Amino acid sequence: MAVPHAVFVVLLRLIHTAVLAGHVIRPLAALCGAAAVLLLPPAAPYIGVAAVIAALATIGVLMVVITFPAAARRH
C-alpha cells in the first residue's frame, strides 16, 4: 500500500517537471511526502490502521493542494 503511494508522489513531481517549464511541486515537498508515506505503515501497530489510512489520504490531498498556489502564481 505504501510503496505505490510513494511512487505516485514522486511521479507526480516528475510529471509536473516534465510537462511544465518550472517546478510546481518543490523537490523537498515531494521527497518529504514520499518519506512520510513509506514511514507510516510500520507505525500501524502503534497508531492504528485507520490513522495510517487517514494520514496517507491527507498526504495525497496535501500534495495536490500545494500545487495550487504555485500554479496560480504562474498565470
N, C-alpha and C. Protein backbone atom coordinates (compact mmCIF):
# COMPACT_ATOMS: atom_id res chain seq x y z
N MET A 1 0.83 -1.18 0.00
CA MET A 1 0.00 0.00 0.00
C MET A 1 0.87 1.25 0.00
N ALA A 2 1.95 1.26 0.73
CA ALA A 2 2.76 2.47 0.85
C ALA A 2 3.67 2.69 -0.34
N VAL A 3 4.23 1.64 -0.87
CA VAL A 3 5.18 1.79 -1.97
C VAL A 3 4.51 2.39 -3.21
N PRO A 4 3.35 1.89 -3.65
CA PRO A 4 2.72 2.52 -4.80
C PRO A 4 2.34 3.98 -4.54
N HIS A 5 1.94 4.28 -3.33
CA HIS A 5 1.59 5.66 -2.99
C HIS A 5 2.84 6.55 -3.04
N ALA A 6 3.94 6.08 -2.51
CA ALA A 6 5.19 6.85 -2.55
C ALA A 6 5.66 7.04 -3.99
N VAL A 7 5.54 6.01 -4.78
CA VAL A 7 5.91 6.12 -6.20
C VAL A 7 5.03 7.15 -6.89
N PHE A 8 3.74 7.17 -6.56
CA PHE A 8 2.83 8.16 -7.12
C PHE A 8 3.28 9.58 -6.77
N VAL A 9 3.66 9.79 -5.53
CA VAL A 9 4.09 11.13 -5.09
C VAL A 9 5.32 11.57 -5.88
N VAL A 10 6.27 10.69 -6.05
CA VAL A 10 7.49 11.03 -6.80
C VAL A 10 7.17 11.23 -8.27
N LEU A 11 6.35 10.36 -8.85
CA LEU A 11 5.99 10.50 -10.25
C LEU A 11 5.17 11.77 -10.50
N LEU A 12 4.34 12.15 -9.56
CA LEU A 12 3.58 13.39 -9.69
C LEU A 12 4.53 14.57 -9.85
N ARG A 13 5.56 14.58 -9.07
CA ARG A 13 6.55 15.64 -9.15
C ARG A 13 7.31 15.58 -10.48
N LEU A 14 7.71 14.40 -10.90
CA LEU A 14 8.45 14.26 -12.14
C LEU A 14 7.62 14.64 -13.35
N ILE A 15 6.34 14.27 -13.34
CA ILE A 15 5.46 14.61 -14.45
C ILE A 15 5.25 16.12 -14.53
N HIS A 16 5.05 16.75 -13.39
CA HIS A 16 4.90 18.21 -13.40
C HIS A 16 6.15 18.88 -13.93
N THR A 17 7.31 18.36 -13.58
CA THR A 17 8.56 18.93 -14.06
C THR A 17 8.69 18.75 -15.57
N ALA A 18 8.30 17.60 -16.07
CA ALA A 18 8.43 17.32 -17.49
C ALA A 18 7.43 18.11 -18.32
N VAL A 19 6.23 18.31 -17.81
CA VAL A 19 5.18 18.96 -18.58
C VAL A 19 5.28 20.49 -18.51
N LEU A 20 5.61 21.01 -17.35
CA LEU A 20 5.66 22.44 -17.15
C LEU A 20 7.10 22.93 -17.19
N ALA A 21 7.25 24.20 -17.52
CA ALA A 21 8.60 24.76 -17.64
C ALA A 21 9.31 24.85 -16.29
N GLY A 22 8.57 25.13 -15.24
CA GLY A 22 9.18 25.28 -13.92
C GLY A 22 8.72 24.22 -12.96
N HIS A 23 9.17 24.33 -11.74
CA HIS A 23 8.78 23.39 -10.70
C HIS A 23 7.48 23.82 -10.07
N VAL A 24 6.49 22.95 -10.07
CA VAL A 24 5.23 23.22 -9.39
C VAL A 24 5.28 22.63 -7.99
N ILE A 25 5.71 21.41 -7.92
CA ILE A 25 5.88 20.77 -6.62
C ILE A 25 7.37 20.81 -6.30
N ARG A 26 7.70 21.43 -5.20
CA ARG A 26 9.11 21.54 -4.84
C ARG A 26 9.68 20.16 -4.53
N PRO A 27 10.94 19.94 -4.90
CA PRO A 27 11.54 18.62 -4.68
C PRO A 27 11.52 18.19 -3.20
N LEU A 28 11.77 19.12 -2.31
CA LEU A 28 11.77 18.78 -0.89
C LEU A 28 10.38 18.34 -0.43
N ALA A 29 9.35 19.00 -0.92
CA ALA A 29 7.98 18.62 -0.55
C ALA A 29 7.65 17.22 -1.06
N ALA A 30 8.05 16.92 -2.28
CA ALA A 30 7.78 15.59 -2.85
C ALA A 30 8.54 14.51 -2.08
N LEU A 31 9.79 14.77 -1.74
CA LEU A 31 10.57 13.78 -1.01
C LEU A 31 10.05 13.59 0.41
N CYS A 32 9.65 14.68 1.05
CA CYS A 32 9.07 14.56 2.39
C CYS A 32 7.76 13.78 2.36
N GLY A 33 6.95 14.05 1.34
CA GLY A 33 5.69 13.31 1.20
C GLY A 33 5.94 11.83 0.97
N ALA A 34 6.89 11.52 0.10
CA ALA A 34 7.20 10.11 -0.18
C ALA A 34 7.77 9.42 1.07
N ALA A 35 8.62 10.12 1.79
CA ALA A 35 9.19 9.53 3.01
C ALA A 35 8.11 9.29 4.06
N ALA A 36 7.20 10.24 4.21
CA ALA A 36 6.12 10.08 5.18
C ALA A 36 5.23 8.90 4.81
N VAL A 37 4.97 8.75 3.52
CA VAL A 37 4.14 7.63 3.06
C VAL A 37 4.81 6.30 3.36
N LEU A 38 6.12 6.23 3.21
CA LEU A 38 6.83 4.98 3.47
C LEU A 38 6.99 4.69 4.96
N LEU A 39 7.03 5.74 5.78
CA LEU A 39 7.23 5.54 7.21
C LEU A 39 5.93 5.28 7.99
N LEU A 40 4.80 5.62 7.41
CA LEU A 40 3.53 5.46 8.13
C LEU A 40 3.10 4.01 8.36
N PRO A 41 3.14 3.13 7.37
CA PRO A 41 2.64 1.76 7.60
C PRO A 41 3.33 1.01 8.74
N PRO A 42 4.63 1.14 8.94
CA PRO A 42 5.21 0.45 10.11
C PRO A 42 4.69 0.97 11.45
N ALA A 43 4.11 2.16 11.44
CA ALA A 43 3.57 2.73 12.68
C ALA A 43 2.15 2.24 12.97
N ALA A 44 1.58 1.45 12.07
CA ALA A 44 0.19 0.99 12.23
C ALA A 44 -0.07 0.27 13.55
N PRO A 45 0.83 -0.57 14.04
CA PRO A 45 0.54 -1.22 15.33
C PRO A 45 0.42 -0.23 16.49
N TYR A 46 1.05 0.92 16.34
CA TYR A 46 1.05 1.90 17.43
C TYR A 46 -0.07 2.93 17.31
N ILE A 47 -0.37 3.36 16.06
CA ILE A 47 -1.37 4.41 15.89
C ILE A 47 -2.67 3.89 15.29
N GLY A 48 -2.68 2.67 14.82
CA GLY A 48 -3.88 2.07 14.25
C GLY A 48 -3.94 2.19 12.74
N VAL A 49 -4.58 1.22 12.13
CA VAL A 49 -4.68 1.18 10.68
C VAL A 49 -5.50 2.35 10.16
N ALA A 50 -6.57 2.70 10.86
CA ALA A 50 -7.41 3.82 10.42
C ALA A 50 -6.62 5.12 10.40
N ALA A 51 -5.77 5.33 11.38
CA ALA A 51 -4.95 6.55 11.41
C ALA A 51 -3.94 6.56 10.27
N VAL A 52 -3.39 5.42 9.94
CA VAL A 52 -2.44 5.33 8.83
C VAL A 52 -3.14 5.65 7.52
N ILE A 53 -4.32 5.07 7.32
CA ILE A 53 -5.07 5.32 6.08
C ILE A 53 -5.45 6.79 5.99
N ALA A 54 -5.89 7.37 7.09
CA ALA A 54 -6.24 8.80 7.09
C ALA A 54 -5.02 9.66 6.80
N ALA A 55 -3.88 9.30 7.36
CA ALA A 55 -2.66 10.07 7.11
C ALA A 55 -2.20 9.94 5.66
N LEU A 56 -2.31 8.75 5.09
CA LEU A 56 -1.95 8.56 3.68
C LEU A 56 -2.85 9.38 2.77
N ALA A 57 -4.13 9.39 3.07
CA ALA A 57 -5.07 10.20 2.28
C ALA A 57 -4.75 11.68 2.43
N THR A 58 -4.43 12.10 3.64
CA THR A 58 -4.09 13.51 3.88
C THR A 58 -2.84 13.91 3.11
N ILE A 59 -1.85 13.07 3.08
CA ILE A 59 -0.63 13.36 2.33
C ILE A 59 -0.94 13.50 0.84
N GLY A 60 -1.77 12.61 0.33
CA GLY A 60 -2.17 12.70 -1.08
C GLY A 60 -2.88 14.01 -1.39
N VAL A 61 -3.78 14.40 -0.51
CA VAL A 61 -4.51 15.66 -0.71
C VAL A 61 -3.56 16.84 -0.60
N LEU A 62 -2.68 16.83 0.37
CA LEU A 62 -1.74 17.94 0.55
C LEU A 62 -0.80 18.09 -0.64
N MET A 63 -0.40 16.98 -1.23
CA MET A 63 0.47 17.07 -2.41
C MET A 63 -0.24 17.75 -3.57
N VAL A 64 -1.53 17.55 -3.68
CA VAL A 64 -2.29 18.22 -4.73
C VAL A 64 -2.53 19.68 -4.35
N VAL A 65 -2.87 19.93 -3.09
CA VAL A 65 -3.18 21.30 -2.65
C VAL A 65 -1.97 22.22 -2.75
N ILE A 66 -0.78 21.71 -2.48
CA ILE A 66 0.39 22.60 -2.54
C ILE A 66 0.72 23.02 -3.97
N THR A 67 0.13 22.34 -4.96
CA THR A 67 0.36 22.76 -6.34
C THR A 67 -0.49 23.97 -6.71
N PHE A 68 -1.59 24.21 -6.02
CA PHE A 68 -2.48 25.30 -6.40
C PHE A 68 -1.85 26.69 -6.29
N PRO A 69 -1.21 27.05 -5.17
CA PRO A 69 -0.60 28.38 -5.13
C PRO A 69 0.50 28.55 -6.18
N ALA A 70 1.28 27.51 -6.40
CA ALA A 70 2.34 27.60 -7.40
C ALA A 70 1.75 27.75 -8.79
N ALA A 71 0.68 27.03 -9.07
CA ALA A 71 0.04 27.14 -10.38
C ALA A 71 -0.62 28.51 -10.54
N ALA A 72 -1.17 29.05 -9.49
CA ALA A 72 -1.82 30.37 -9.56
C ALA A 72 -0.79 31.46 -9.82
N ARG A 73 0.39 31.31 -9.26
CA ARG A 73 1.45 32.31 -9.49
C ARG A 73 1.91 32.30 -10.93
N ARG A 74 1.78 31.17 -11.59
CA ARG A 74 2.27 31.04 -12.97
C ARG A 74 1.34 31.74 -13.96
N HIS A 75 0.09 31.96 -13.59
CA HIS A 75 -0.87 32.55 -14.54
C HIS A 75 -1.06 34.00 -14.30
